[in-house]
Amino acid sequence: VGDAIEANPWIAVLQAALVDRGLAEHPTVGRPGM
């Protein structure tokens, strides 16, 4: 499974940009997702 997003800059950079624009939610442990 994916480790914490902080350990995965390959997706963390894009995810943060999408969250800032309201286009994604910050990843949450315990909810289905990467």
PDB file of all heavy atoms in Angstrom:
ATOM      1  N   VAL A   1       0.870  -1.178   0.000  1.00  0.00           N
ATOM      2  CA  VAL A   1       0.000   0.000   0.000  1.00  0.00           C
ATOM      3  C   VAL A   1       0.906   1.228   0.000  1.00  0.00           C
ATOM      4  O   VAL A   1       2.105   1.140   0.293  1.00  0.00           O
ATOM      5  CB  VAL A   1      -0.932   0.028   1.228  1.00  0.00           C
ATOM      6  CG1 VAL A   1      -1.819  -1.215   1.263  1.00  0.00           C
ATOM      7  CG2 VAL A   1      -0.133   0.138   2.530  1.00  0.00           C
ATOM      8  N   GLY A   2       0.351   2.368  -0.321  1.00  0.00           N
ATOM      9  CA  GLY A   2       1.134   3.582  -0.267  1.00  0.00           C
ATOM     10  C   GLY A   2       1.482   3.961   1.154  1.00  0.00           C
ATOM     11  O   GLY A   2       0.643   3.889   2.046  1.00  0.00           O
ATOM     12  N   ASP A   3       2.735   4.346   1.394  1.00  0.00           N
ATOM     13  CA  ASP A   3       3.119   4.884   2.691  1.00  0.00           C
ATOM     14  C   ASP A   3       2.633   6.335   2.766  1.00  0.00           C
ATOM     15  O   ASP A   3       2.009   6.847   1.835  1.00  0.00           O
ATOM     16  CB  ASP A   3       4.634   4.784   2.867  1.00  0.00           C
ATOM     17  CG  ASP A   3       5.058   4.840   4.336  1.00  0.00           C
ATOM     18  OD1 ASP A   3       4.209   5.137   5.190  1.00  0.00           O
ATOM     19  OD2 ASP A   3       6.246   4.608   4.611  1.00  0.00           O
ATOM     20  N   ALA A   4       2.910   7.008   3.861  1.00  0.00           N
ATOM     21  CA  ALA A   4       2.428   8.372   4.074  1.00  0.00           C
ATOM     22  C   ALA A   4       2.778   9.266   2.887  1.00  0.00           C
ATOM     23  O   ALA A   4       3.834   9.119   2.265  1.00  0.00           O
ATOM     24  CB  ALA A   4       3.040   8.940   5.349  1.00  0.00           C
ATOM     25  N   ILE A   5       1.883  10.198   2.584  1.00  0.00           N
ATOM     26  CA  ILE A   5       2.075  11.045   1.410  1.00  0.00           C
ATOM     27  C   ILE A   5       3.379  11.827   1.488  1.00  0.00           C
ATOM     28  O   ILE A   5       4.014  12.103   0.470  1.00  0.00           O
ATOM     29  CB  ILE A   5       0.864  11.989   1.216  1.00  0.00           C
ATOM     30  CG1 ILE A   5       0.940  12.656  -0.163  1.00  0.00           C
ATOM     31  CG2 ILE A   5       0.764  13.005   2.348  1.00  0.00           C
ATOM     32  CD1 ILE A   5      -0.330  13.344  -0.573  1.00  0.00           C
ATOM     33  N   GLU A   6       3.841  12.160   2.691  1.00  0.00           N
ATOM     34  CA  GLU A   6       5.096  12.895   2.841  1.00  0.00           C
ATOM     35  C   GLU A   6       6.284  12.095   2.318  1.00  0.00           C
ATOM     36  O   GLU A   6       7.326  12.666   1.969  1.00  0.00           O
ATOM     37  CB  GLU A   6       5.324  13.255   4.310  1.00  0.00           C
ATOM     38  CG  GLU A   6       4.311  14.223   4.880  1.00  0.00           C
ATOM     39  CD  GLU A   6       2.999  13.560   5.284  1.00  0.00           C
ATOM     40  OE1 GLU A   6       2.943  12.304   5.283  1.00  0.00           O
ATOM     41  OE2 GLU A   6       2.035  14.284   5.596  1.00  0.00           O
ATOM     42  N   ALA A   7       6.153  10.771   2.276  1.00  0.00           N
ATOM     43  CA  ALA A   7       7.224   9.910   1.772  1.00  0.00           C
ATOM     44  C   ALA A   7       7.092   9.653   0.278  1.00  0.00           C
ATOM     45  O   ALA A   7       7.875   8.881  -0.285  1.00  0.00           O
ATOM     46  CB  ALA A   7       7.212   8.579   2.518  1.00  0.00           C
ATOM     47  N   ASN A   8       6.130  10.306  -0.363  1.00  0.00           N
ATOM     48  CA  ASN A   8       5.846  10.060  -1.776  1.00  0.00           C
ATOM     49  C   ASN A   8       5.734  11.368  -2.558  1.00  0.00           C
ATOM     50  O   ASN A   8       4.656  11.740  -3.032  1.00  0.00           O
ATOM     51  CB  ASN A   8       4.551   9.256  -1.903  1.00  0.00           C
ATOM     52  CG  ASN A   8       4.728   7.809  -1.518  1.00  0.00           C
ATOM     53  OD1 ASN A   8       5.180   6.997  -2.317  1.00  0.00           O
ATOM     54  ND2 ASN A   8       4.397   7.487  -0.270  1.00  0.00           N
ATOM     55  N   PRO A   9       6.865  12.086  -2.691  1.00  0.00           N
ATOM     56  CA  PRO A   9       6.802  13.359  -3.420  1.00  0.00           C
ATOM     57  C   PRO A   9       6.345  13.214  -4.858  1.00  0.00           C
ATOM     58  O   PRO A   9       5.873  14.181  -5.456  1.00  0.00           O
ATOM     59  CB  PRO A   9       8.233  13.895  -3.330  1.00  0.00           C
ATOM     60  CG  PRO A   9       9.080  12.740  -2.926  1.00  0.00           C
ATOM     61  CD  PRO A   9       8.210  11.828  -2.133  1.00  0.00           C
ATOM     62  N   TRP A  10       6.432  12.024  -5.436  1.00  0.00           N
ATOM     63  CA  TRP A  10       5.993  11.830  -6.820  1.00  0.00           C
ATOM     64  C   TRP A  10       4.527  12.229  -6.998  1.00  0.00           C
ATOM     65  O   TRP A  10       4.131  12.730  -8.051  1.00  0.00           O
ATOM     66  CB  TRP A  10       6.197  10.375  -7.252  1.00  0.00           C
ATOM     67  CG  TRP A  10       5.262   9.394  -6.610  1.00  0.00           C
ATOM     68  CD1 TRP A  10       5.423   8.778  -5.404  1.00  0.00           C
ATOM     69  CD2 TRP A  10       4.025   8.926  -7.142  1.00  0.00           C
ATOM     70  NE1 TRP A  10       4.358   7.946  -5.143  1.00  0.00           N
ATOM     71  CE2 TRP A  10       3.490   8.011  -6.203  1.00  0.00           C
ATOM     72  CE3 TRP A  10       3.317   9.171  -8.319  1.00  0.00           C
ATOM     73  CZ2 TRP A  10       2.278   7.356  -6.399  1.00  0.00           C
ATOM     74  CZ3 TRP A  10       2.102   8.522  -8.519  1.00  0.00           C
ATOM     75  CH2 TRP A  10       1.602   7.621  -7.569  1.00  0.00           C
ATOM     76  N   ILE A  11       3.707  12.051  -5.950  1.00  0.00           N
ATOM     77  CA  ILE A  11       2.298  12.419  -6.031  1.00  0.00           C
ATOM     78  C   ILE A  11       1.955  13.551  -5.078  1.00  0.00           C
ATOM     79  O   ILE A  11       0.988  14.287  -5.293  1.00  0.00           O
ATOM     80  CB  ILE A  11       1.395  11.186  -5.766  1.00  0.00           C
ATOM     81  CG1 ILE A  11      -0.082  11.498  -6.060  1.00  0.00           C
ATOM     82  CG2 ILE A  11       1.575  10.696  -4.325  1.00  0.00           C
ATOM     83  CD1 ILE A  11      -0.363  11.847  -7.495  1.00  0.00           C
ATOM     84  N   ALA A  12       2.750  13.740  -4.021  1.00  0.00           N
ATOM     85  CA  ALA A  12       2.431  14.763  -3.017  1.00  0.00           C
ATOM     86  C   ALA A  12       2.394  16.157  -3.622  1.00  0.00           C
ATOM     87  O   ALA A  12       1.547  16.985  -3.260  1.00  0.00           O
ATOM     88  CB  ALA A  12       3.449  14.708  -1.875  1.00  0.00           C
ATOM     89  N   VAL A  13       3.300  16.438  -4.553  1.00  0.00           N
ATOM     90  CA  VAL A  13       3.364  17.772  -5.170  1.00  0.00           C
ATOM     91  C   VAL A  13       2.073  18.068  -5.922  1.00  0.00           C
ATOM     92  O   VAL A  13       1.445  19.127  -5.747  1.00  0.00           O
ATOM     93  CB  VAL A  13       4.578  17.858  -6.110  1.00  0.00           C
ATOM     94  CG1 VAL A  13       4.517  19.123  -6.950  1.00  0.00           C
ATOM     95  CG2 VAL A  13       5.876  17.817  -5.304  1.00  0.00           C
ATOM     96  N   LEU A  14       1.646  17.140  -6.755  1.00  0.00           N
ATOM     97  CA  LEU A  14       0.411  17.334  -7.521  1.00  0.00           C
ATOM     98  C   LEU A  14      -0.805  17.351  -6.607  1.00  0.00           C
ATOM     99  O   LEU A  14      -1.706  18.186  -6.767  1.00  0.00           O
ATOM    100  CB  LEU A  14       0.274  16.225  -8.560  1.00  0.00           C
ATOM    101  CG  LEU A  14      -1.031  16.209  -9.372  1.00  0.00           C
ATOM    102  CD1 LEU A  14      -1.207  17.514 -10.140  1.00  0.00           C
ATOM    103  CD2 LEU A  14      -1.046  15.023 -10.323  1.00  0.00           C
ATOM    104  N   GLN A  15      -0.829  16.458  -5.631  1.00  0.00           N
ATOM    105  CA  GLN A  15      -1.976  16.390  -4.717  1.00  0.00           C
ATOM    106  C   GLN A  15      -2.162  17.709  -3.971  1.00  0.00           C
ATOM    107  O   GLN A  15      -3.280  18.215  -3.845  1.00  0.00           O
ATOM    108  CB  GLN A  15      -1.778  15.243  -3.725  1.00  0.00           C
ATOM    109  CG  GLN A  15      -2.950  15.005  -2.772  1.00  0.00           C
ATOM    110  CD  GLN A  15      -4.115  14.307  -3.445  1.00  0.00           C
ATOM    111  OE1 GLN A  15      -3.966  13.752  -4.523  1.00  0.00           O
ATOM    112  NE2 GLN A  15      -5.267  14.337  -2.807  1.00  0.00           N
ATOM    113  N   ALA A  16      -1.062  18.283  -3.482  1.00  0.00           N
ATOM    114  CA  ALA A  16      -1.155  19.541  -2.750  1.00  0.00           C
ATOM    115  C   ALA A  16      -1.699  20.657  -3.630  1.00  0.00           C
ATOM    116  O   ALA A  16      -2.514  21.483  -3.194  1.00  0.00           O
ATOM    117  CB  ALA A  16       0.219  19.923  -2.204  1.00  0.00           C
ATOM    118  N   ALA A  17      -1.267  20.690  -4.891  1.00  0.00           N
ATOM    119  CA  ALA A  17      -1.747  21.720  -5.811  1.00  0.00           C
ATOM    120  C   ALA A  17      -3.239  21.551  -6.087  1.00  0.00           C
ATOM    121  O   ALA A  17      -3.981  22.538  -6.178  1.00  0.00           O
ATOM    122  CB  ALA A  17      -0.954  21.662  -7.114  1.00  0.00           C
ATOM    123  N   LEU A  18      -3.702  20.321  -6.207  1.00  0.00           N
ATOM    124  CA  LEU A  18      -5.122  20.074  -6.437  1.00  0.00           C
ATOM    125  C   LEU A  18      -5.950  20.411  -5.197  1.00  0.00           C
ATOM    126  O   LEU A  18      -7.041  20.990  -5.306  1.00  0.00           O
ATOM    127  CB  LEU A  18      -5.340  18.623  -6.846  1.00  0.00           C
ATOM    128  CG  LEU A  18      -4.777  18.218  -8.210  1.00  0.00           C
ATOM    129  CD1 LEU A  18      -4.896  16.712  -8.419  1.00  0.00           C
ATOM    130  CD2 LEU A  18      -5.491  18.961  -9.342  1.00  0.00           C
ATOM    131  N   VAL A  19      -5.440  20.070  -4.023  1.00  0.00           N
ATOM    132  CA  VAL A  19      -6.147  20.395  -2.774  1.00  0.00           C
ATOM    133  C   VAL A  19      -6.285  21.913  -2.633  1.00  0.00           C
ATOM    134  O   VAL A  19      -7.360  22.419  -2.274  1.00  0.00           O
ATOM    135  CB  VAL A  19      -5.413  19.781  -1.564  1.00  0.00           C
ATOM    136  CG1 VAL A  19      -5.993  20.325  -0.257  1.00  0.00           C
ATOM    137  CG2 VAL A  19      -5.521  18.255  -1.589  1.00  0.00           C
ATOM    138  N   ASP A  20      -5.218  22.639  -2.920  1.00  0.00           N
ATOM    139  CA  ASP A  20      -5.245  24.103  -2.812  1.00  0.00           C
ATOM    140  C   ASP A  20      -6.319  24.720  -3.702  1.00  0.00           C
ATOM    141  O   ASP A  20      -6.860  25.788  -3.390  1.00  0.00           O
ATOM    142  CB  ASP A  20      -3.883  24.689  -3.192  1.00  0.00           C
ATOM    143  CG  ASP A  20      -2.829  24.471  -2.116  1.00  0.00           C
ATOM    144  OD1 ASP A  20      -3.197  24.097  -0.990  1.00  0.00           O
ATOM    145  OD2 ASP A  20      -1.632  24.658  -2.420  1.00  0.00           O
ATOM    146  N   ARG A  21      -6.656  24.057  -4.788  1.00  0.00           N
ATOM    147  CA  ARG A  21      -7.642  24.576  -5.734  1.00  0.00           C
ATOM    148  C   ARG A  21      -9.016  23.956  -5.553  1.00  0.00           C
ATOM    149  O   ARG A  21      -9.916  24.156  -6.384  1.00  0.00           O
ATOM    150  CB  ARG A  21      -7.119  24.358  -7.165  1.00  0.00           C
ATOM    151  CG  ARG A  21      -5.983  25.299  -7.513  1.00  0.00           C
ATOM    152  CD  ARG A  21      -5.070  24.753  -8.594  1.00  0.00           C
ATOM    153  NE  ARG A  21      -3.961  25.708  -8.812  1.00  0.00           N
ATOM    154  CZ  ARG A  21      -2.912  25.801  -8.008  1.00  0.00           C
ATOM    155  NH1 ARG A  21      -2.799  25.010  -6.952  1.00  0.00           N
ATOM    156  NH2 ARG A  21      -1.963  26.700  -8.244  1.00  0.00           N
ATOM    157  N   GLY A  22      -9.189  23.208  -4.479  1.00  0.00           N
ATOM    158  CA  GLY A  22     -10.478  22.605  -4.197  1.00  0.00           C
ATOM    159  C   GLY A  22     -10.849  21.477  -5.131  1.00  0.00           C
ATOM    160  O   GLY A  22     -12.030  21.121  -5.249  1.00  0.00           O
ATOM    161  N   LEU A  23      -9.851  20.880  -5.783  1.00  0.00           N
ATOM    162  CA  LEU A  23     -10.107  19.827  -6.760  1.00  0.00           C
ATOM    163  C   LEU A  23      -9.816  18.434  -6.216  1.00  0.00           C
ATOM    164  O   LEU A  23      -9.978  17.438  -6.930  1.00  0.00           O
ATOM    165  CB  LEU A  23      -9.256  20.068  -8.010  1.00  0.00           C
ATOM    166  CG  LEU A  23      -9.570  21.373  -8.752  1.00  0.00           C
ATOM    167  CD1 LEU A  23      -8.545  21.618  -9.838  1.00  0.00           C
ATOM    168  CD2 LEU A  23     -10.977  21.327  -9.336  1.00  0.00           C
ATOM    169  N   ALA A  24      -9.382  18.363  -4.992  1.00  0.00           N
ATOM    170  CA  ALA A  24      -9.101  17.077  -4.346  1.00  0.00           C
ATOM    171  C   ALA A  24      -9.143  17.288  -2.842  1.00  0.00           C
ATOM    172  O   ALA A  24      -9.042  18.428  -2.360  1.00  0.00           O
ATOM    173  CB  ALA A  24      -7.740  16.531  -4.774  1.00  0.00           C
ATOM    174  N   GLU A  25      -9.306  16.195  -2.126  1.00  0.00           N
ATOM    175  CA  GLU A  25      -9.251  16.236  -0.668  1.00  0.00           C
ATOM    176  C   GLU A  25      -7.887  15.743  -0.210  1.00  0.00           C
ATOM    177  O   GLU A  25      -7.262  14.904  -0.864  1.00  0.00           O
ATOM    178  CB  GLU A  25     -10.351  15.365  -0.062  1.00  0.00           C
ATOM    179  CG  GLU A  25     -11.754  15.845  -0.382  1.00  0.00           C
ATOM    180  CD  GLU A  25     -12.817  14.973   0.273  1.00  0.00           C
ATOM    181  OE1 GLU A  25     -12.437  14.010   0.973  1.00  0.00           O
ATOM    182  OE2 GLU A  25     -14.006  15.255   0.081  1.00  0.00           O
ATOM    183  N   HIS A  26      -7.437  16.289   0.920  1.00  0.00           N
ATOM    184  CA  HIS A  26      -6.174  15.797   1.465  1.00  0.00           C
ATOM    185  C   HIS A  26      -6.340  14.325   1.833  1.00  0.00           C
ATOM    186  O   HIS A  26      -7.348  13.941   2.429  1.00  0.00           O
ATOM    187  CB  HIS A  26      -5.764  16.592   2.704  1.00  0.00           C
ATOM    188  CG  HIS A  26      -4.387  16.266   3.186  1.00  0.00           C
ATOM    189  ND1 HIS A  26      -3.244  16.740   2.568  1.00  0.00           N
ATOM    190  CD2 HIS A  26      -3.968  15.479   4.209  1.00  0.00           C
ATOM    191  CE1 HIS A  26      -2.182  16.276   3.201  1.00  0.00           C
ATOM    192  NE2 HIS A  26      -2.593  15.510   4.192  1.00  0.00           N
ATOM    193  N   PRO A  27      -5.380  13.475   1.468  1.00  0.00           N
ATOM    194  CA  PRO A  27      -5.505  12.051   1.768  1.00  0.00           C
ATOM    195  C   PRO A  27      -5.699  11.797   3.258  1.00  0.00           C
ATOM    196  O   PRO A  27      -5.052  12.430   4.097  1.00  0.00           O
ATOM    197  CB  PRO A  27      -4.173  11.476   1.283  1.00  0.00           C
ATOM    198  CG  PRO A  27      -3.680  12.450   0.275  1.00  0.00           C
ATOM    199  CD  PRO A  27      -4.146  13.796   0.735  1.00  0.00           C
ATOM    200  N   THR A  28      -6.582  10.874   3.555  1.00  0.00           N
ATOM    201  CA  THR A  28      -6.905  10.547   4.942  1.00  0.00           C
ATOM    202  C   THR A  28      -6.737   9.053   5.160  1.00  0.00           C
ATOM    203  O   THR A  28      -7.332   8.250   4.439  1.00  0.00           O
ATOM    204  CB  THR A  28      -8.347  10.950   5.277  1.00  0.00           C
ATOM    205  OG1 THR A  28      -8.513  12.347   5.025  1.00  0.00           O
ATOM    206  CG2 THR A  28      -8.672  10.641   6.733  1.00  0.00           C
ATOM    207  N   VAL A  29      -5.934   8.687   6.144  1.00  0.00           N
ATOM    208  CA  VAL A  29      -5.806   7.273   6.501  1.00  0.00           C
ATOM    209  C   VAL A  29      -7.154   6.776   7.002  1.00  0.00           C
ATOM    210  O   VAL A  29      -7.836   7.439   7.783  1.00  0.00           O
ATOM    211  CB  VAL A  29      -4.722   7.085   7.584  1.00  0.00           C
ATOM    212  CG1 VAL A  29      -4.682   5.640   8.065  1.00  0.00           C
ATOM    213  CG2 VAL A  29      -3.363   7.502   7.044  1.00  0.00           C
ATOM    214  N   GLY A  30      -7.550   5.613   6.509  1.00  0.00           N
ATOM    215  CA  GLY A  30      -8.826   5.033   6.904  1.00  0.00           C
ATOM    216  C   GLY A  30      -9.930   5.234   5.889  1.00  0.00           C
ATOM    217  O   GLY A  30     -11.006   4.649   6.034  1.00  0.00           O
ATOM    218  N   ARG A  31      -9.676   6.057   4.858  1.00  0.00           N
ATOM    219  CA  ARG A  31     -10.636   6.235   3.774  1.00  0.00           C
ATOM    220  C   ARG A  31     -10.059   5.649   2.498  1.00  0.00           C
ATOM    221  O   ARG A  31      -8.847   5.737   2.260  1.00  0.00           O
ATOM    222  CB  ARG A  31     -10.944   7.719   3.556  1.00  0.00           C
ATOM    223  CG  ARG A  31     -11.680   8.362   4.704  1.00  0.00           C
ATOM    224  CD  ARG A  31     -11.949   9.825   4.427  1.00  0.00           C
ATOM    225  NE  ARG A  31     -12.718  10.012   3.205  1.00  0.00           N
ATOM    226  CZ  ARG A  31     -13.010  11.202   2.688  1.00  0.00           C
ATOM    227  NH1 ARG A  31     -12.578  12.302   3.271  1.00  0.00           N
ATOM    228  NH2 ARG A  31     -13.725  11.282   1.582  1.00  0.00           N
ATOM    229  N   PRO A  32     -10.891   5.043   1.642  1.00  0.00           N
ATOM    230  CA  PRO A  32     -10.354   4.440   0.419  1.00  0.00           C
ATOM    231  C   PRO A  32      -9.584   5.458  -0.413  1.00  0.00           C
ATOM    232  O   PRO A  32     -10.034   6.575  -0.621  1.00  0.00           O
ATOM    233  CB  PRO A  32     -11.616   3.979  -0.322  1.00  0.00           C
ATOM    234  CG  PRO A  32     -12.673   3.864   0.712  1.00  0.00           C
ATOM    235  CD  PRO A  32     -12.360   4.906   1.740  1.00  0.00           C
ATOM    236  N   GLY A  33      -8.406   5.073  -0.856  1.00  0.00           N
ATOM    237  CA  GLY A  33      -7.590   5.963  -1.654  1.00  0.00           C
ATOM    238  C   GLY A  33      -6.139   5.537  -1.611  1.00  0.00           C
ATOM    239  O   GLY A  33      -5.769   4.564  -0.940  1.00  0.00           O
ATOM    240  N   MET A  34      -5.312   6.283  -2.318  1.00  0.00           N
ATOM    241  CA  MET A  34      -3.914   5.920  -2.459  1.00  0.00           C
ATOM    242  C   MET A  34      -3.198   5.780  -1.112  1.00  0.00           C
ATOM    243  O   MET A  34      -2.265   4.995  -0.960  1.00  0.00           O
ATOM    244  CB  MET A  34      -3.214   6.963  -3.322  1.00  0.00           C
ATOM    245  CG  MET A  34      -1.860   6.545  -3.836  1.00  0.00           C
ATOM    246  SD  MET A  34      -1.151   7.788  -4.957  1.00  0.00           S
ATOM    247  CE  MET A  34      -2.386   7.791  -6.272  1.00  0.00           C
TER     248      MET A  34
END
